[in-house]
Amino acid sequence: AERLAIIEEFRAGDGVRFLVNVGVLTTGFDAPKVDVVCIARPTMSALLYEQMVGRGLRGPLNGGTTRCRVIDVQDAGLPDGVQSYGRVLKPGGR
């Protein structure tokens, strides 16, 4: 219950500005106004990497921000299957 309350505060922009999680907010999480994504774990799945980065790359046409900073702490770059963020930047993500 506490986790859900904190996530809802973050989504609403009501005080909580940063969320740190491990494997909780990867796929299916929706908070379009995210403007920084920090990936601090190894991610071998191209799909999972796109999902995590996509939290901040919705763009204004999809209710998101105009800019997003992506920080990859491990500095491994994109997984082999991801060539660009183009797909997640397009309206509707397709």
N, C-alpha and C. Protein backbone atom coordinates (compact mmCIF):
# COMPACT_ATOMS: atom_id res chain seq x y z
N ALA A 1 0.82 -1.19 0.00
CA ALA A 1 0.00 0.00 0.00
C ALA A 1 0.87 1.26 0.00
N GLU A 2 1.95 1.23 0.79
CA GLU A 2 2.84 2.40 0.84
C GLU A 2 3.51 2.62 -0.51
N ARG A 3 3.95 1.54 -1.16
CA ARG A 3 4.59 1.65 -2.47
C ARG A 3 3.64 2.30 -3.48
N LEU A 4 2.39 1.83 -3.51
CA LEU A 4 1.42 2.38 -4.46
C LEU A 4 1.15 3.86 -4.19
N ALA A 5 1.09 4.25 -2.93
CA ALA A 5 0.86 5.65 -2.59
C ALA A 5 2.00 6.52 -3.07
N ILE A 6 3.23 6.04 -2.91
CA ILE A 6 4.40 6.80 -3.35
C ILE A 6 4.42 6.92 -4.86
N ILE A 7 4.12 5.84 -5.56
CA ILE A 7 4.09 5.86 -7.03
C ILE A 7 3.02 6.83 -7.52
N GLU A 8 1.86 6.82 -6.87
CA GLU A 8 0.79 7.74 -7.27
C GLU A 8 1.18 9.21 -7.03
N GLU A 9 1.86 9.48 -5.93
CA GLU A 9 2.35 10.84 -5.68
C GLU A 9 3.31 11.27 -6.78
N PHE A 10 4.18 10.36 -7.20
CA PHE A 10 5.13 10.66 -8.28
C PHE A 10 4.40 10.97 -9.57
N ARG A 11 3.46 10.11 -9.93
CA ARG A 11 2.68 10.32 -11.16
C ARG A 11 1.97 11.67 -11.16
N ALA A 12 1.41 12.03 -10.01
CA ALA A 12 0.63 13.27 -9.91
C ALA A 12 1.51 14.50 -9.76
N GLY A 13 2.81 14.31 -9.52
CA GLY A 13 3.69 15.45 -9.31
C GLY A 13 3.48 16.09 -7.95
N ASP A 14 3.00 15.32 -6.98
CA ASP A 14 2.69 15.84 -5.64
C ASP A 14 3.81 15.58 -4.64
N GLY A 15 4.95 16.18 -4.84
CA GLY A 15 6.02 16.09 -3.86
C GLY A 15 7.10 15.08 -4.17
N VAL A 16 6.74 13.86 -4.56
CA VAL A 16 7.75 12.85 -4.85
C VAL A 16 8.34 13.15 -6.23
N ARG A 17 9.64 13.45 -6.26
CA ARG A 17 10.28 13.82 -7.53
C ARG A 17 11.15 12.72 -8.10
N PHE A 18 11.59 11.77 -7.25
CA PHE A 18 12.49 10.71 -7.70
C PHE A 18 11.98 9.37 -7.21
N LEU A 19 12.02 8.38 -8.08
CA LEU A 19 11.69 7.02 -7.69
C LEU A 19 12.91 6.15 -7.99
N VAL A 20 13.27 5.31 -7.06
CA VAL A 20 14.33 4.34 -7.26
C VAL A 20 13.70 2.97 -7.07
N ASN A 21 13.95 2.07 -8.01
CA ASN A 21 13.34 0.75 -7.91
C ASN A 21 14.22 -0.30 -8.55
N VAL A 22 13.94 -1.52 -8.24
CA VAL A 22 14.61 -2.65 -8.87
C VAL A 22 13.53 -3.57 -9.43
N GLY A 23 13.38 -3.54 -10.74
CA GLY A 23 12.45 -4.44 -11.40
C GLY A 23 10.97 -4.17 -11.17
N VAL A 24 10.63 -3.00 -10.66
CA VAL A 24 9.22 -2.70 -10.38
C VAL A 24 8.62 -1.83 -11.49
N LEU A 25 9.32 -0.81 -11.91
CA LEU A 25 8.78 0.15 -12.88
C LEU A 25 9.44 -0.02 -14.24
N THR A 26 9.41 -1.23 -14.75
CA THR A 26 10.03 -1.49 -16.05
C THR A 26 8.97 -1.53 -17.14
N THR A 27 8.21 -2.61 -17.24
CA THR A 27 7.17 -2.70 -18.26
C THR A 27 5.82 -2.35 -17.66
N GLY A 28 5.01 -1.64 -18.43
CA GLY A 28 3.65 -1.33 -18.01
C GLY A 28 3.51 -0.12 -17.11
N PHE A 29 4.59 0.51 -16.71
CA PHE A 29 4.50 1.69 -15.85
C PHE A 29 4.21 2.91 -16.70
N ASP A 30 3.26 3.72 -16.27
CA ASP A 30 2.87 4.90 -17.05
C ASP A 30 2.95 6.16 -16.20
N ALA A 31 3.91 7.01 -16.54
CA ALA A 31 4.05 8.33 -15.93
C ALA A 31 4.67 9.22 -17.01
N PRO A 32 3.85 9.74 -17.91
CA PRO A 32 4.34 10.43 -19.10
C PRO A 32 5.26 11.63 -18.85
N LYS A 33 5.18 12.25 -17.71
CA LYS A 33 5.97 13.46 -17.49
C LYS A 33 7.39 13.18 -16.98
N VAL A 34 7.83 11.93 -17.03
CA VAL A 34 9.19 11.58 -16.64
C VAL A 34 10.17 12.31 -17.56
N ASP A 35 11.17 12.97 -16.98
CA ASP A 35 12.14 13.67 -17.82
C ASP A 35 13.59 13.24 -17.58
N VAL A 36 13.79 12.27 -16.70
CA VAL A 36 15.10 11.66 -16.50
C VAL A 36 14.90 10.17 -16.23
N VAL A 37 15.65 9.35 -16.94
CA VAL A 37 15.64 7.92 -16.70
C VAL A 37 17.09 7.52 -16.43
N CYS A 38 17.31 6.86 -15.32
CA CYS A 38 18.65 6.40 -14.96
C CYS A 38 18.61 4.87 -14.88
N ILE A 39 19.39 4.24 -15.74
CA ILE A 39 19.45 2.78 -15.73
C ILE A 39 20.76 2.40 -15.06
N ALA A 40 20.63 1.79 -13.89
CA ALA A 40 21.81 1.46 -13.09
C ALA A 40 21.93 -0.04 -12.88
N ARG A 41 21.57 -0.79 -13.90
CA ARG A 41 21.65 -2.25 -13.81
C ARG A 41 21.98 -2.80 -15.19
N PRO A 42 22.60 -3.95 -15.23
CA PRO A 42 22.82 -4.56 -16.54
C PRO A 42 21.49 -5.02 -17.13
N THR A 43 21.29 -4.79 -18.40
CA THR A 43 20.05 -5.15 -19.06
C THR A 43 20.40 -5.82 -20.38
N MET A 44 20.25 -7.11 -20.45
CA MET A 44 20.61 -7.85 -21.66
C MET A 44 19.46 -7.94 -22.66
N SER A 45 18.26 -7.61 -22.24
CA SER A 45 17.10 -7.69 -23.12
C SER A 45 16.87 -6.35 -23.80
N ALA A 46 16.90 -6.35 -25.13
CA ALA A 46 16.65 -5.14 -25.89
C ALA A 46 15.24 -4.61 -25.61
N LEU A 47 14.27 -5.51 -25.52
CA LEU A 47 12.89 -5.10 -25.27
C LEU A 47 12.76 -4.44 -23.90
N LEU A 48 13.35 -5.04 -22.88
CA LEU A 48 13.28 -4.46 -21.54
C LEU A 48 13.98 -3.10 -21.50
N TYR A 49 15.12 -2.98 -22.17
CA TYR A 49 15.85 -1.71 -22.22
C TYR A 49 14.97 -0.63 -22.86
N GLU A 50 14.34 -0.96 -23.99
CA GLU A 50 13.44 -0.01 -24.65
C GLU A 50 12.29 0.39 -23.74
N GLN A 51 11.73 -0.56 -23.01
CA GLN A 51 10.64 -0.27 -22.09
C GLN A 51 11.08 0.71 -21.01
N MET A 52 12.26 0.46 -20.43
CA MET A 52 12.74 1.33 -19.35
C MET A 52 13.06 2.73 -19.87
N VAL A 53 13.74 2.82 -20.98
CA VAL A 53 14.07 4.12 -21.56
C VAL A 53 12.80 4.83 -22.04
N GLY A 54 11.86 4.05 -22.54
CA GLY A 54 10.62 4.60 -23.05
C GLY A 54 9.78 5.32 -22.00
N ARG A 55 10.04 5.07 -20.72
CA ARG A 55 9.34 5.80 -19.65
C ARG A 55 9.50 7.30 -19.83
N GLY A 56 10.62 7.73 -20.37
CA GLY A 56 10.86 9.15 -20.50
C GLY A 56 10.84 9.66 -21.92
N LEU A 57 10.66 8.79 -22.90
CA LEU A 57 10.74 9.21 -24.30
C LEU A 57 9.39 9.23 -25.00
N ARG A 58 8.35 9.56 -24.29
CA ARG A 58 7.01 9.58 -24.89
C ARG A 58 6.84 10.77 -25.83
N GLY A 59 7.43 11.88 -25.48
CA GLY A 59 7.28 13.09 -26.30
C GLY A 59 5.94 13.75 -26.07
N PRO A 60 5.85 15.03 -26.44
CA PRO A 60 4.62 15.80 -26.18
C PRO A 60 3.38 15.27 -26.90
N LEU A 61 3.55 14.65 -28.05
CA LEU A 61 2.38 14.12 -28.76
C LEU A 61 1.74 12.95 -28.03
N ASN A 62 2.49 12.35 -27.11
CA ASN A 62 1.97 11.23 -26.32
C ASN A 62 1.81 11.60 -24.85
N GLY A 63 1.71 12.90 -24.57
CA GLY A 63 1.52 13.36 -23.20
C GLY A 63 2.78 13.48 -22.38
N GLY A 64 3.94 13.30 -23.03
CA GLY A 64 5.21 13.37 -22.32
C GLY A 64 5.88 14.72 -22.42
N THR A 65 7.14 14.75 -22.04
CA THR A 65 7.92 15.98 -22.04
C THR A 65 8.63 16.17 -23.38
N THR A 66 9.15 17.36 -23.61
CA THR A 66 9.87 17.63 -24.85
C THR A 66 11.30 17.11 -24.81
N ARG A 67 11.83 16.92 -23.60
CA ARG A 67 13.20 16.43 -23.45
C ARG A 67 13.25 15.38 -22.34
N CYS A 68 14.19 14.47 -22.50
CA CYS A 68 14.44 13.47 -21.46
C CYS A 68 15.93 13.14 -21.46
N ARG A 69 16.50 13.12 -20.28
CA ARG A 69 17.90 12.72 -20.13
C ARG A 69 17.92 11.24 -19.77
N VAL A 70 18.69 10.47 -20.54
CA VAL A 70 18.85 9.04 -20.26
C VAL A 70 20.27 8.84 -19.75
N ILE A 71 20.37 8.32 -18.53
CA ILE A 71 21.66 8.06 -17.91
C ILE A 71 21.82 6.56 -17.79
N ASP A 72 22.83 6.02 -18.45
CA ASP A 72 23.12 4.60 -18.38
C ASP A 72 24.37 4.45 -17.53
N VAL A 73 24.19 4.15 -16.26
CA VAL A 73 25.29 4.12 -15.29
C VAL A 73 26.35 3.10 -15.67
N GLN A 74 25.92 1.96 -16.16
CA GLN A 74 26.87 0.93 -16.53
C GLN A 74 27.64 1.31 -17.79
N ASP A 75 27.12 2.28 -18.54
CA ASP A 75 27.73 2.76 -19.76
C ASP A 75 27.96 1.65 -20.77
N ALA A 76 27.01 0.74 -20.82
CA ALA A 76 27.11 -0.35 -21.78
C ALA A 76 26.47 0.02 -23.11
N GLY A 77 25.80 1.17 -23.16
CA GLY A 77 25.13 1.58 -24.38
C GLY A 77 23.90 0.74 -24.65
N LEU A 78 23.43 0.83 -25.87
CA LEU A 78 22.23 0.09 -26.26
C LEU A 78 22.53 -1.40 -26.37
N PRO A 79 21.61 -2.25 -25.92
CA PRO A 79 21.78 -3.68 -26.17
C PRO A 79 21.83 -3.94 -27.67
N ASP A 80 22.40 -5.07 -28.07
CA ASP A 80 22.60 -5.37 -29.49
C ASP A 80 21.36 -5.19 -30.35
N GLY A 81 20.18 -5.53 -29.85
CA GLY A 81 18.97 -5.47 -30.65
C GLY A 81 18.38 -4.08 -30.81
N VAL A 82 18.92 -3.08 -30.10
CA VAL A 82 18.38 -1.73 -30.17
C VAL A 82 19.35 -0.86 -30.96
N GLN A 83 18.90 -0.36 -32.09
CA GLN A 83 19.77 0.47 -32.92
C GLN A 83 19.54 1.96 -32.70
N SER A 84 18.33 2.32 -32.29
CA SER A 84 18.04 3.72 -32.03
C SER A 84 16.79 3.80 -31.17
N TYR A 85 16.54 5.00 -30.67
CA TYR A 85 15.33 5.23 -29.89
C TYR A 85 14.18 5.66 -30.78
N GLY A 86 14.36 5.66 -32.08
CA GLY A 86 13.36 6.17 -33.01
C GLY A 86 11.98 5.61 -32.82
N ARG A 87 11.89 4.31 -32.60
CA ARG A 87 10.57 3.69 -32.46
C ARG A 87 9.82 4.20 -31.24
N VAL A 88 10.53 4.40 -30.13
CA VAL A 88 9.83 4.85 -28.93
C VAL A 88 9.58 6.35 -28.96
N LEU A 89 10.22 7.07 -29.85
CA LEU A 89 9.99 8.52 -29.95
C LEU A 89 8.79 8.86 -30.83
N LYS A 90 8.36 7.96 -31.69
CA LYS A 90 7.24 8.22 -32.58
C LYS A 90 5.93 8.22 -31.79
N PRO A 91 4.97 9.05 -32.20
CA PRO A 91 3.66 9.04 -31.53
C PRO A 91 3.08 7.63 -31.51
N GLY A 92 2.64 7.20 -30.36
CA GLY A 92 2.08 5.87 -30.23
C GLY A 92 3.12 4.78 -30.05
N GLY A 93 4.40 5.11 -30.20
CA GLY A 93 5.47 4.16 -29.98
C GLY A 93 5.56 3.04 -31.00
N ARG A 94 5.05 3.25 -32.20
CA ARG A 94 5.08 2.18 -33.20
C ARG A 94 5.97 2.59 -34.36
